Amino acid sequence: MREPVTAFFHRPHRPEPAALRVLGDAIDIALVGLSLVLVVVMFTNVLARGFLNIDIAWNTEFGEFCLVWATFVGAAAAARRGAHMRITELIEAATPQIRRGLELVTRLAILILLGLLIWRGLLIVERT
């Protein structure tokens, strides 16, 4: 029987360096904080509209801002845990050597994509 793919890509038995553990905990706290602030602001707006007949003007933009940040912070938290979704049939059928190669290709593709996103994002920031 082969080990599951999640065990190959995510190795919880390996010790995590202290700096990464602190960073990961900060990411988790930020995600919880973003979620709580989002819920409080949205719920406050619902109450204000229902009982006081007023609207918090910046509510929608703030909600969008929080959701965008929660998406990226949540992606970092999922990457730390190895919890991103993946289709594993091909990987599970592969030999350990091929699995290592696929892991390398996957991680390189992710790094290239992140580099492109950062580069294009900086170009957008410079123009605006």
N, C-alpha and C. Protein backbone atom coordinates (compact mmCIF):
# COMPACT_ATOMS: atom_id res chain seq x y z
N MET A 1 0.84 -1.18 0.00
CA MET A 1 0.00 0.00 0.00
C MET A 1 0.88 1.25 0.00
N ARG A 2 0.54 2.18 -0.85
CA ARG A 2 1.32 3.41 -0.95
C ARG A 2 0.81 4.44 0.06
N GLU A 3 1.73 5.32 0.47
CA GLU A 3 1.31 6.36 1.41
C GLU A 3 0.43 7.37 0.67
N PRO A 4 -0.52 7.99 1.37
CA PRO A 4 -1.40 8.95 0.70
C PRO A 4 -0.62 10.17 0.22
N VAL A 5 -1.16 10.80 -0.79
CA VAL A 5 -0.50 11.95 -1.39
C VAL A 5 -0.31 13.07 -0.38
N THR A 6 -1.30 13.28 0.47
CA THR A 6 -1.17 14.36 1.45
C THR A 6 0.02 14.13 2.36
N ALA A 7 0.34 12.88 2.64
CA ALA A 7 1.50 12.59 3.48
C ALA A 7 2.79 12.91 2.73
N PHE A 8 2.76 12.79 1.39
CA PHE A 8 3.96 13.07 0.62
C PHE A 8 4.21 14.57 0.49
N PHE A 9 3.16 15.32 0.18
CA PHE A 9 3.33 16.75 -0.03
C PHE A 9 3.41 17.53 1.28
N HIS A 10 2.73 17.07 2.30
CA HIS A 10 2.72 17.77 3.59
C HIS A 10 3.32 16.83 4.62
N ARG A 11 4.39 17.24 5.25
CA ARG A 11 5.10 16.38 6.19
C ARG A 11 4.97 16.93 7.60
N PRO A 12 3.89 16.59 8.31
CA PRO A 12 3.70 17.15 9.65
C PRO A 12 4.71 16.64 10.66
N HIS A 13 5.37 15.50 10.38
CA HIS A 13 6.33 14.95 11.33
C HIS A 13 7.66 15.70 11.32
N ARG A 14 7.89 16.51 10.28
CA ARG A 14 9.12 17.30 10.23
C ARG A 14 8.98 18.53 11.10
N PRO A 15 9.98 18.82 11.93
CA PRO A 15 9.87 20.00 12.80
C PRO A 15 9.85 21.29 11.96
N GLU A 16 9.02 22.20 12.39
CA GLU A 16 8.91 23.48 11.71
C GLU A 16 9.83 24.48 12.41
N PRO A 17 10.65 25.21 11.65
CA PRO A 17 11.52 26.21 12.29
C PRO A 17 10.70 27.22 13.09
N ALA A 18 11.29 27.73 14.15
CA ALA A 18 10.56 28.63 15.06
C ALA A 18 10.04 29.86 14.34
N ALA A 19 10.83 30.43 13.43
CA ALA A 19 10.39 31.63 12.72
C ALA A 19 9.16 31.33 11.86
N LEU A 20 9.16 30.18 11.19
CA LEU A 20 8.00 29.81 10.37
C LEU A 20 6.78 29.51 11.23
N ARG A 21 7.01 28.93 12.40
CA ARG A 21 5.89 28.65 13.31
C ARG A 21 5.25 29.95 13.78
N VAL A 22 6.09 30.93 14.13
CA VAL A 22 5.58 32.23 14.57
C VAL A 22 4.83 32.92 13.42
N LEU A 23 5.41 32.88 12.22
CA LEU A 23 4.76 33.47 11.05
C LEU A 23 3.43 32.77 10.76
N GLY A 24 3.41 31.44 10.84
CA GLY A 24 2.18 30.70 10.62
C GLY A 24 1.11 31.03 11.64
N ASP A 25 1.51 31.17 12.89
CA ASP A 25 0.55 31.55 13.93
C ASP A 25 0.02 32.96 13.69
N ALA A 26 0.90 33.86 13.25
CA ALA A 26 0.45 35.23 12.95
C ALA A 26 -0.54 35.23 11.79
N ILE A 27 -0.30 34.38 10.80
CA ILE A 27 -1.22 34.27 9.67
C ILE A 27 -2.58 33.77 10.15
N ASP A 28 -2.57 32.76 11.00
CA ASP A 28 -3.83 32.23 11.54
C ASP A 28 -4.59 33.29 12.33
N ILE A 29 -3.87 34.04 13.16
CA ILE A 29 -4.50 35.09 13.96
C ILE A 29 -5.06 36.19 13.05
N ALA A 30 -4.30 36.55 12.01
CA ALA A 30 -4.77 37.57 11.08
C ALA A 30 -6.04 37.12 10.36
N LEU A 31 -6.09 35.85 9.99
CA LEU A 31 -7.26 35.32 9.30
C LEU A 31 -8.49 35.35 10.20
N VAL A 32 -8.32 34.95 11.45
CA VAL A 32 -9.43 35.00 12.40
C VAL A 32 -9.85 36.45 12.63
N GLY A 33 -8.88 37.34 12.80
CA GLY A 33 -9.19 38.76 13.00
C GLY A 33 -9.94 39.37 11.83
N LEU A 34 -9.48 39.07 10.61
CA LEU A 34 -10.18 39.56 9.42
C LEU A 34 -11.62 39.07 9.38
N SER A 35 -11.80 37.80 9.68
CA SER A 35 -13.15 37.22 9.66
C SER A 35 -14.05 37.88 10.69
N LEU A 36 -13.53 38.06 11.89
CA LEU A 36 -14.33 38.68 12.95
C LEU A 36 -14.70 40.12 12.61
N VAL A 37 -13.73 40.88 12.13
CA VAL A 37 -14.00 42.27 11.77
C VAL A 37 -15.04 42.34 10.65
N LEU A 38 -14.91 41.46 9.67
CA LEU A 38 -15.86 41.43 8.56
C LEU A 38 -17.27 41.14 9.06
N VAL A 39 -17.41 40.14 9.91
CA VAL A 39 -18.73 39.79 10.44
C VAL A 39 -19.30 40.93 11.27
N VAL A 40 -18.49 41.54 12.12
CA VAL A 40 -18.97 42.63 12.98
C VAL A 40 -19.44 43.82 12.14
N VAL A 41 -18.65 44.22 11.15
CA VAL A 41 -19.02 45.37 10.33
C VAL A 41 -20.27 45.08 9.52
N MET A 42 -20.35 43.90 8.91
CA MET A 42 -21.53 43.56 8.11
C MET A 42 -22.78 43.47 8.99
N PHE A 43 -22.65 42.85 10.15
CA PHE A 43 -23.79 42.71 11.05
C PHE A 43 -24.23 44.07 11.59
N THR A 44 -23.26 44.93 11.89
CA THR A 44 -23.59 46.28 12.35
C THR A 44 -24.36 47.04 11.28
N ASN A 45 -23.95 46.88 10.03
CA ASN A 45 -24.66 47.54 8.93
C ASN A 45 -26.08 47.02 8.80
N VAL A 46 -26.26 45.71 8.95
CA VAL A 46 -27.61 45.13 8.89
C VAL A 46 -28.48 45.71 10.00
N LEU A 47 -27.94 45.77 11.21
CA LEU A 47 -28.71 46.33 12.33
C LEU A 47 -29.01 47.81 12.11
N ALA A 48 -28.02 48.56 11.62
CA ALA A 48 -28.23 49.99 11.39
C ALA A 48 -29.29 50.24 10.33
N ARG A 49 -29.29 49.42 9.28
CA ARG A 49 -30.30 49.58 8.24
C ARG A 49 -31.68 49.17 8.73
N GLY A 50 -31.72 48.12 9.52
CA GLY A 50 -33.02 47.61 9.97
C GLY A 50 -33.66 48.45 11.05
N PHE A 51 -32.88 48.93 11.99
CA PHE A 51 -33.46 49.62 13.15
C PHE A 51 -33.32 51.15 13.09
N LEU A 52 -32.25 51.64 12.50
CA LEU A 52 -32.01 53.09 12.49
C LEU A 52 -32.24 53.72 11.12
N ASN A 53 -32.46 52.87 10.12
CA ASN A 53 -32.70 53.32 8.75
C ASN A 53 -31.53 54.16 8.21
N ILE A 54 -30.30 53.77 8.59
CA ILE A 54 -29.11 54.41 8.04
C ILE A 54 -28.21 53.32 7.46
N ASP A 55 -27.34 53.74 6.57
CA ASP A 55 -26.44 52.80 5.91
C ASP A 55 -25.00 53.23 6.15
N ILE A 56 -24.14 52.27 6.44
CA ILE A 56 -22.71 52.55 6.55
C ILE A 56 -22.17 52.59 5.13
N ALA A 57 -21.77 53.76 4.67
CA ALA A 57 -21.44 53.97 3.26
C ALA A 57 -20.27 53.11 2.79
N TRP A 58 -19.28 52.91 3.62
CA TRP A 58 -18.07 52.21 3.22
C TRP A 58 -18.15 50.70 3.45
N ASN A 59 -19.32 50.20 3.83
CA ASN A 59 -19.49 48.80 4.20
C ASN A 59 -19.12 47.84 3.06
N THR A 60 -19.61 48.11 1.86
CA THR A 60 -19.37 47.20 0.73
C THR A 60 -17.90 47.15 0.36
N GLU A 61 -17.28 48.31 0.25
CA GLU A 61 -15.86 48.35 -0.12
C GLU A 61 -15.00 47.68 0.95
N PHE A 62 -15.35 47.92 2.21
CA PHE A 62 -14.60 47.31 3.29
C PHE A 62 -14.75 45.78 3.26
N GLY A 63 -15.96 45.31 2.98
CA GLY A 63 -16.19 43.87 2.88
C GLY A 63 -15.39 43.24 1.75
N GLU A 64 -15.34 43.92 0.61
CA GLU A 64 -14.55 43.41 -0.52
C GLU A 64 -13.07 43.37 -0.16
N PHE A 65 -12.60 44.42 0.48
CA PHE A 65 -11.20 44.50 0.90
C PHE A 65 -10.87 43.34 1.85
N CYS A 66 -11.72 43.11 2.84
CA CYS A 66 -11.49 42.02 3.80
C CYS A 66 -11.51 40.66 3.12
N LEU A 67 -12.44 40.46 2.18
CA LEU A 67 -12.52 39.17 1.50
C LEU A 67 -11.30 38.90 0.62
N VAL A 68 -10.81 39.94 -0.04
CA VAL A 68 -9.60 39.76 -0.86
C VAL A 68 -8.42 39.37 0.03
N TRP A 69 -8.25 40.10 1.14
CA TRP A 69 -7.16 39.78 2.05
C TRP A 69 -7.34 38.40 2.67
N ALA A 70 -8.58 38.06 3.03
CA ALA A 70 -8.83 36.74 3.63
C ALA A 70 -8.52 35.63 2.64
N THR A 71 -8.75 35.87 1.35
CA THR A 71 -8.43 34.88 0.33
C THR A 71 -6.93 34.58 0.32
N PHE A 72 -6.12 35.62 0.29
CA PHE A 72 -4.68 35.41 0.21
C PHE A 72 -4.09 34.91 1.53
N VAL A 73 -4.57 35.44 2.63
CA VAL A 73 -4.08 34.97 3.93
C VAL A 73 -4.53 33.52 4.15
N GLY A 74 -5.76 33.20 3.75
CA GLY A 74 -6.25 31.82 3.85
C GLY A 74 -5.46 30.87 2.97
N ALA A 75 -5.05 31.33 1.79
CA ALA A 75 -4.22 30.50 0.92
C ALA A 75 -2.88 30.19 1.57
N ALA A 76 -2.31 31.18 2.25
CA ALA A 76 -1.05 30.95 2.97
C ALA A 76 -1.25 29.95 4.10
N ALA A 77 -2.36 30.07 4.82
CA ALA A 77 -2.64 29.13 5.91
C ALA A 77 -2.85 27.72 5.37
N ALA A 78 -3.55 27.60 4.25
CA ALA A 78 -3.77 26.28 3.65
C ALA A 78 -2.46 25.68 3.13
N ALA A 79 -1.59 26.51 2.57
CA ALA A 79 -0.30 26.02 2.09
C ALA A 79 0.54 25.49 3.24
N ARG A 80 0.47 26.16 4.38
CA ARG A 80 1.23 25.71 5.55
C ARG A 80 0.79 24.32 5.98
N ARG A 81 -0.51 24.05 5.88
CA ARG A 81 -1.05 22.76 6.33
C ARG A 81 -1.09 21.71 5.21
N GLY A 82 -0.76 22.10 3.99
CA GLY A 82 -0.88 21.18 2.87
C GLY A 82 -2.33 20.86 2.56
N ALA A 83 -3.21 21.84 2.72
CA ALA A 83 -4.65 21.60 2.63
C ALA A 83 -5.28 22.10 1.33
N HIS A 84 -4.48 22.50 0.36
CA HIS A 84 -5.07 22.93 -0.91
C HIS A 84 -5.65 21.72 -1.63
N MET A 85 -6.73 21.95 -2.36
CA MET A 85 -7.36 20.86 -3.11
C MET A 85 -6.45 20.43 -4.26
N ARG A 86 -6.47 19.14 -4.55
CA ARG A 86 -5.73 18.63 -5.69
C ARG A 86 -6.37 17.33 -6.16
N ILE A 87 -6.17 17.04 -7.42
CA ILE A 87 -6.64 15.77 -7.97
C ILE A 87 -5.46 14.81 -7.86
N THR A 88 -5.65 13.70 -7.14
CA THR A 88 -4.51 12.88 -6.73
C THR A 88 -4.41 11.53 -7.43
N GLU A 89 -5.31 11.20 -8.34
CA GLU A 89 -5.28 9.87 -8.94
C GLU A 89 -3.97 9.58 -9.66
N LEU A 90 -3.49 10.52 -10.46
CA LEU A 90 -2.25 10.32 -11.20
C LEU A 90 -1.06 10.21 -10.25
N ILE A 91 -1.03 11.06 -9.25
CA ILE A 91 0.09 11.06 -8.31
C ILE A 91 0.11 9.79 -7.48
N GLU A 92 -1.06 9.32 -7.06
CA GLU A 92 -1.12 8.10 -6.25
C GLU A 92 -0.67 6.87 -7.04
N ALA A 93 -0.85 6.90 -8.36
CA ALA A 93 -0.45 5.77 -9.19
C ALA A 93 1.05 5.80 -9.53
N ALA A 94 1.71 6.90 -9.25
CA ALA A 94 3.12 7.06 -9.62
C ALA A 94 4.04 6.43 -8.59
N THR A 95 5.25 6.18 -9.04
CA THR A 95 6.29 5.66 -8.14
C THR A 95 6.81 6.81 -7.27
N PRO A 96 7.51 6.51 -6.18
CA PRO A 96 8.04 7.58 -5.32
C PRO A 96 8.97 8.55 -6.06
N GLN A 97 9.75 8.05 -7.01
CA GLN A 97 10.64 8.93 -7.75
C GLN A 97 9.84 9.91 -8.62
N ILE A 98 8.81 9.40 -9.27
CA ILE A 98 7.97 10.27 -10.10
C ILE A 98 7.21 11.27 -9.22
N ARG A 99 6.79 10.82 -8.05
CA ARG A 99 6.11 11.74 -7.12
C ARG A 99 7.01 12.90 -6.75
N ARG A 100 8.28 12.61 -6.47
CA ARG A 100 9.22 13.68 -6.12
C ARG A 100 9.37 14.65 -7.30
N GLY A 101 9.46 14.10 -8.50
CA GLY A 101 9.56 14.96 -9.68
C GLY A 101 8.31 15.82 -9.87
N LEU A 102 7.15 15.22 -9.66
CA LEU A 102 5.90 15.98 -9.77
C LEU A 102 5.81 17.06 -8.70
N GLU A 103 6.28 16.74 -7.50
CA GLU A 103 6.28 17.74 -6.43
C GLU A 103 7.19 18.91 -6.81
N LEU A 104 8.36 18.61 -7.35
CA LEU A 104 9.29 19.66 -7.77
C LEU A 104 8.68 20.52 -8.87
N VAL A 105 8.09 19.89 -9.87
CA VAL A 105 7.47 20.64 -10.97
C VAL A 105 6.33 21.50 -10.44
N THR A 106 5.52 20.94 -9.54
CA THR A 106 4.40 21.69 -8.97
C THR A 106 4.89 22.91 -8.21
N ARG A 107 5.88 22.72 -7.38
CA ARG A 107 6.39 23.85 -6.58
C ARG A 107 7.07 24.90 -7.45
N LEU A 108 7.78 24.47 -8.48
CA LEU A 108 8.39 25.43 -9.41
C LEU A 108 7.31 26.22 -10.15
N ALA A 109 6.25 25.55 -10.58
CA ALA A 109 5.16 26.24 -11.27
C ALA A 109 4.51 27.26 -10.35
N ILE A 110 4.34 26.92 -9.09
CA ILE A 110 3.75 27.85 -8.12
C ILE A 110 4.67 29.06 -7.94
N LEU A 111 5.97 28.82 -7.81
CA LEU A 111 6.91 29.94 -7.65
C LEU A 111 6.92 30.85 -8.87
N ILE A 112 6.85 30.26 -10.06
CA ILE A 112 6.81 31.06 -11.29
C ILE A 112 5.53 31.89 -11.32
N LEU A 113 4.41 31.27 -11.00
CA LEU A 113 3.14 32.00 -10.98
C LEU A 113 3.16 33.14 -9.96
N LEU A 114 3.67 32.87 -8.77
CA LEU A 114 3.75 33.92 -7.75
C LEU A 114 4.67 35.05 -8.20
N GLY A 115 5.78 34.70 -8.83
CA GLY A 115 6.68 35.72 -9.35
C GLY A 115 6.01 36.59 -10.39
N LEU A 116 5.24 35.97 -11.30
CA LEU A 116 4.51 36.74 -12.30
C LEU A 116 3.46 37.64 -11.67
N LEU A 117 2.76 37.12 -10.67
CA LEU A 117 1.75 37.94 -9.99
C LEU A 117 2.38 39.14 -9.30
N ILE A 118 3.50 38.92 -8.64
CA ILE A 118 4.18 40.03 -7.97
C ILE A 118 4.68 41.05 -8.99
N TRP A 119 5.29 40.57 -10.05
CA TRP A 119 5.82 41.47 -11.08
C TRP A 119 4.70 42.29 -11.72
N ARG A 120 3.62 41.63 -12.14
CA ARG A 120 2.50 42.35 -12.76
C ARG A 120 1.82 43.28 -11.76
N GLY A 121 1.73 42.85 -10.51
CA GLY A 121 1.14 43.69 -9.48
C GLY A 121 1.95 44.96 -9.27
N LEU A 122 3.27 44.83 -9.27
CA LEU A 122 4.12 46.02 -9.13
C LEU A 122 3.97 46.96 -10.31
N LEU A 123 3.80 46.41 -11.51
CA LEU A 123 3.58 47.26 -12.67
C LEU A 123 2.26 48.04 -12.55
N ILE A 124 1.24 47.37 -12.04
CA ILE A 124 -0.05 48.05 -11.84
C ILE A 124 0.08 49.14 -10.78
N VAL A 125 0.80 48.84 -9.71
CA VAL A 125 0.98 49.83 -8.64
C VAL A 125 1.73 51.05 -9.17
N GLU A 126 2.74 50.84 -10.00
CA GLU A 126 3.51 51.96 -10.55
C GLU A 126 2.65 52.85 -11.45
N ARG A 127 1.70 52.26 -12.17
CA ARG A 127 0.86 53.04 -13.08
C ARG A 127 -0.24 53.81 -12.37
N THR A 128 -0.62 53.38 -11.18
CA THR A 128 -1.76 54.04 -10.52
C THR A 128 -1.34 54.92 -9.38
